[in-house]
Protein backbone atom coordinates (compact mmCIF):
# COMPACT_ATOMS: atom_id res chain seq x y z
CA MET A 1 0.00 0.00 0.00
CA ARG A 2 2.86 2.38 0.72
CA ILE A 3 4.16 2.01 -2.82
CA LEU A 4 0.69 2.65 -4.24
CA PHE A 5 0.20 5.69 -2.04
CA LEU A 6 3.55 7.12 -3.18
CA LYS A 7 2.37 6.97 -6.79
CA ILE A 8 -1.14 8.30 -6.15
CA PRO A 9 -1.19 12.06 -5.52
CA ARG A 10 -2.48 13.29 -2.14
CA GLU A 11 -5.35 15.09 -3.82
CA LYS A 12 -6.90 11.74 -4.82
CA ILE A 13 -8.09 10.89 -1.31
CA LYS A 14 -11.12 8.91 -2.57
CA ILE A 15 -8.88 6.52 -4.49
CA ARG A 16 -6.58 6.15 -1.48
CA LYS A 17 -9.58 5.37 0.76
CA ARG A 18 -10.84 2.72 -1.66
CA ILE A 19 -7.44 1.05 -1.76
CA PHE A 20 -7.30 1.00 2.05
CA SER A 21 -10.85 -0.36 2.22
CA ALA A 22 -10.00 -3.11 -0.26
CA PHE A 23 -6.58 -4.14 1.04
CA GLY A 24 -6.26 -2.84 4.61
CA MET A 25 -9.68 -3.15 6.25
CA PRO A 26 -10.07 -6.91 5.71
CA HIS A 27 -7.08 -7.39 8.02
CA PHE A 28 -9.01 -5.61 10.77
CA ILE A 29 -12.52 -6.91 10.09
CA TRP A 30 -11.72 -10.46 11.15
CA LEU A 31 -10.49 -9.08 14.50
CA PHE A 32 -13.91 -7.60 15.33
CA ALA A 33 -15.42 -10.93 16.37
CA THR A 34 -12.56 -11.67 18.76
CA TRP A 35 -12.01 -8.12 20.01
CA PHE A 36 -13.06 -8.76 23.62
CA HIS A 37 -10.57 -11.62 24.00
CA TYR A 38 -7.51 -9.37 23.53
CA THR A 39 -5.64 -7.68 26.34
CA ASP A 40 -5.60 -3.89 26.61
CA LYS A 41 -2.03 -3.77 25.31
CA GLN A 42 -3.00 -5.82 22.24
CA ARG A 43 -6.04 -3.60 21.63
CA ARG A 44 -3.92 -0.45 21.76
CA HIS A 45 -1.44 -1.99 19.32
CA ILE A 46 -4.21 -2.96 16.88
CA GLU A 47 -5.69 0.56 17.10
CA HIS A 48 -2.23 2.02 16.43
CA VAL A 49 -1.81 -0.14 13.32
CA TYR A 50 -5.25 0.98 12.09
CA CYS A 51 -4.30 4.63 12.65
CA SER A 52 -1.07 3.99 10.74
CA GLY A 53 -3.22 3.02 7.74
CA ILE A 54 -5.26 6.22 8.09
CA ARG A 55 -1.97 8.10 8.42
CA LEU A 56 -0.85 6.65 5.06
CA ILE A 57 -4.11 7.58 3.34
CA PHE A 58 -3.96 11.22 4.35
CA ALA A 59 -0.12 11.53 4.42
CA LEU A 60 -0.03 12.61 8.07
CA GLN A 61 3.29 10.97 8.94
CA ASN A 62 4.44 13.06 11.90
CA TRP A 63 1.26 13.10 14.00
CA ASP A 64 0.07 10.89 16.84
CA ASP A 65 -2.94 8.59 16.49
CA GLU A 66 -5.55 10.88 18.04
CA THR A 67 -4.46 13.83 15.92
CA VAL A 68 -4.63 11.67 12.79
CA LEU A 69 -8.24 10.72 13.62
CA ILE A 70 -9.11 14.36 14.31
CA LEU A 71 -7.59 15.68 11.09
CA SER A 72 -8.87 12.89 8.85
CA ARG A 73 -12.37 12.90 10.38
CA GLU A 74 -12.55 9.17 9.71
CA LYS A 75 -14.26 6.55 11.86
CA SER A 76 -11.96 5.13 14.50
CA LEU A 77 -11.46 1.38 14.85
CA LEU A 78 -13.66 1.43 17.96
CA ASP A 79 -16.44 3.02 15.89
CA HIS A 80 -16.22 0.14 13.41
CA ILE A 81 -16.22 -2.40 16.24
CA PHE A 82 -19.23 -0.72 17.85
CA SER A 83 -21.18 -0.83 14.58
CA TYR A 84 -20.28 -4.49 14.02
CA TRP A 85 -21.22 -5.63 17.53
CA SER A 86 -24.44 -3.60 17.56
CA LYS A 87 -25.70 -5.37 14.45
CA PHE A 88 -24.33 -8.74 15.57
CA THR A 89 -26.00 -8.68 19.02
CA ARG A 90 -29.29 -7.54 17.50
CA HIS A 91 -29.11 -10.54 15.20
CA LEU A 92 -28.15 -12.93 18.03
CA GLU A 93 -31.00 -11.77 20.25
CA ASN A 94 -33.62 -12.46 17.58
CA SER A 95 -32.23 -15.38 15.60
CA PRO A 96 -33.52 -18.91 16.25
CA ASP A 97 -30.07 -20.20 15.23
CA ALA A 98 -28.51 -18.48 18.25
CA LEU A 99 -30.59 -20.35 20.82
CA VAL A 100 -27.54 -21.71 22.68
CA LEU A 101 -26.07 -18.23 23.08
CA GLN A 102 -29.42 -16.87 24.26
CA GLN A 103 -29.69 -19.64 26.85
CA THR A 104 -26.15 -19.12 28.15
CA TRP A 105 -26.81 -15.39 28.34
CA GLN A 106 -29.98 -15.96 30.40
CA THR A 107 -28.05 -18.34 32.68
CA TYR A 108 -25.28 -15.77 33.10
CA LYS A 109 -27.84 -13.10 34.02
CA CYS A 110 -29.41 -15.42 36.60
CA LEU A 111 -26.05 -16.29 38.15
CA SER A 112 -24.83 -12.70 38.25
CA SER A 113 -28.09 -11.19 39.55
CA PRO A 114 -28.35 -10.25 43.23
CA ASP A 115 -31.58 -12.25 43.56
CA LYS A 116 -30.56 -15.78 44.60
CA SER A 117 -34.04 -17.29 45.02
CA TRP A 118 -33.25 -19.95 42.45
CA TYR A 119 -30.69 -21.57 44.86
CA ARG A 120 -33.33 -23.62 46.62
CA SER A 121 -35.22 -24.53 43.45
CA LEU A 122 -32.06 -26.24 42.17
CA GLY A 123 -31.33 -27.91 45.49
CA PHE A 124 -28.31 -25.76 46.44
CA ASN A 125 -27.70 -23.90 49.65
CA LYS A 126 -25.88 -20.56 49.94
CA ARG A 127 -22.63 -22.20 51.06
CA SER A 128 -22.32 -24.54 48.09
CA ARG A 129 -18.65 -24.63 47.04
CA PHE A 130 -19.44 -25.55 43.43
CA LEU A 131 -21.89 -22.69 43.01
CA LYS A 132 -19.56 -20.11 44.59
CA ARG A 133 -16.68 -21.18 42.34
CA LEU A 134 -18.95 -21.07 39.27
CA ILE A 135 -20.15 -17.54 40.09
CA GLU A 136 -16.58 -16.29 40.73
CA ARG A 137 -15.21 -17.68 37.46
CA MET A 138 -18.11 -17.00 35.12
CA GLN A 139 -17.66 -14.66 32.21
CA HIS A 140 -19.74 -13.99 29.15
CA LEU A 141 -18.83 -12.22 25.95
CA LEU A 142 -22.03 -10.18 25.89
CA SER A 143 -21.28 -8.71 29.33
CA GLU A 144 -18.05 -7.24 27.98
CA TRP A 145 -19.98 -5.96 24.96
CA GLU A 146 -22.54 -4.23 27.21
CA ALA A 147 -19.75 -2.47 29.14
CA PHE A 148 -18.13 -1.39 25.85
CA GLU A 149 -21.50 -0.26 24.49
CA ASP A 150 -22.23 1.93 27.51
CA ILE A 151 -18.88 3.68 27.18
CA HIS A 152 -18.77 4.04 23.42
CA ARG A 153 -22.38 4.85 22.51
CA GLU A 154 -21.98 8.58 23.11
CA GLU A 155 -18.51 8.63 21.52
CA LEU A 156 -19.60 6.99 18.26
CA ASN A 157 -18.41 9.03 15.26
CA TYR A 158 -17.39 11.88 17.55
CA TYR A 159 -14.30 12.84 15.57
CA SER A 160 -16.15 12.84 12.26
CA ARG A 161 -19.11 14.93 13.52
CA SER A 162 -17.50 17.44 15.88
CA THR A 163 -15.30 20.35 14.85
CA LEU A 164 -14.22 21.10 18.41
CA TYR A 165 -11.04 19.02 18.16
CA ILE A 166 -10.08 20.52 14.81
CA ASN A 167 -10.48 24.00 16.27
CA LEU A 168 -8.35 23.04 19.28
CA PHE A 169 -5.76 21.55 16.94
CA VAL A 170 -5.54 24.72 14.85
CA TYR A 171 -5.28 26.84 17.99
CA LYS A 172 -2.60 24.62 19.54
CA HIS A 173 -0.36 24.13 16.49
CA PHE A 174 -0.89 27.23 14.40
CA LEU A 175 -2.15 30.12 16.53
CA PHE A 176 -0.68 29.46 19.96
CA PRO A 177 2.98 28.79 18.95
CA THR A 178 3.45 32.34 17.62
CA THR A 179 2.78 33.81 21.05
CA ASN A 180 4.56 30.94 22.78
CA GLN A 181 7.80 31.34 20.76
CA SER A 182 8.54 34.73 22.25
CA THR A 183 8.22 33.34 25.76
CA ASP A 184 10.41 30.37 24.84
CA LEU A 185 13.12 32.69 23.51
CA SER A 186 13.10 34.83 26.63
CA PHE A 187 13.19 31.72 28.78
CA ASN A 188 16.27 30.35 26.97
CA SER A 189 18.21 33.61 27.18
């Protein structure tokens, strides 16, 4: 892609985006389904690689990842993941083919709820070692999705819709340094 982007002029952003969508995005799309199984360090690295692709499209080599997203006004990787998981969970909740997932999700909700009235109906008491160990170790993929959804719902497409960060960027890098240079010179002397 780097070789292609060197030959395609910067003014042809639409062509550069199409090339990235055709050759770069498929490498990220397969990660969406397994996103919640990665560690935070792995997630940050994947996001950085995605931003490196955006950096190539718009020729923003010397900027950090957040600045690249602000200047390009493109969807972040988390925006793509949010869109994917929103559609996927809607499908899983309504599909008859996802019956096993729906049942495990209902079981998880019962085990993690504060109401423990179902203990006696199953023949357990509150001190059951098996049940305590099960509750401590249980995890479900949809619980991590719900936490991610709560955080990211209001941030979805924020960089592409808001001009606040672009205005702050212009102020910080173009307007503010002219007044700041005189103070830096006096400080160094």
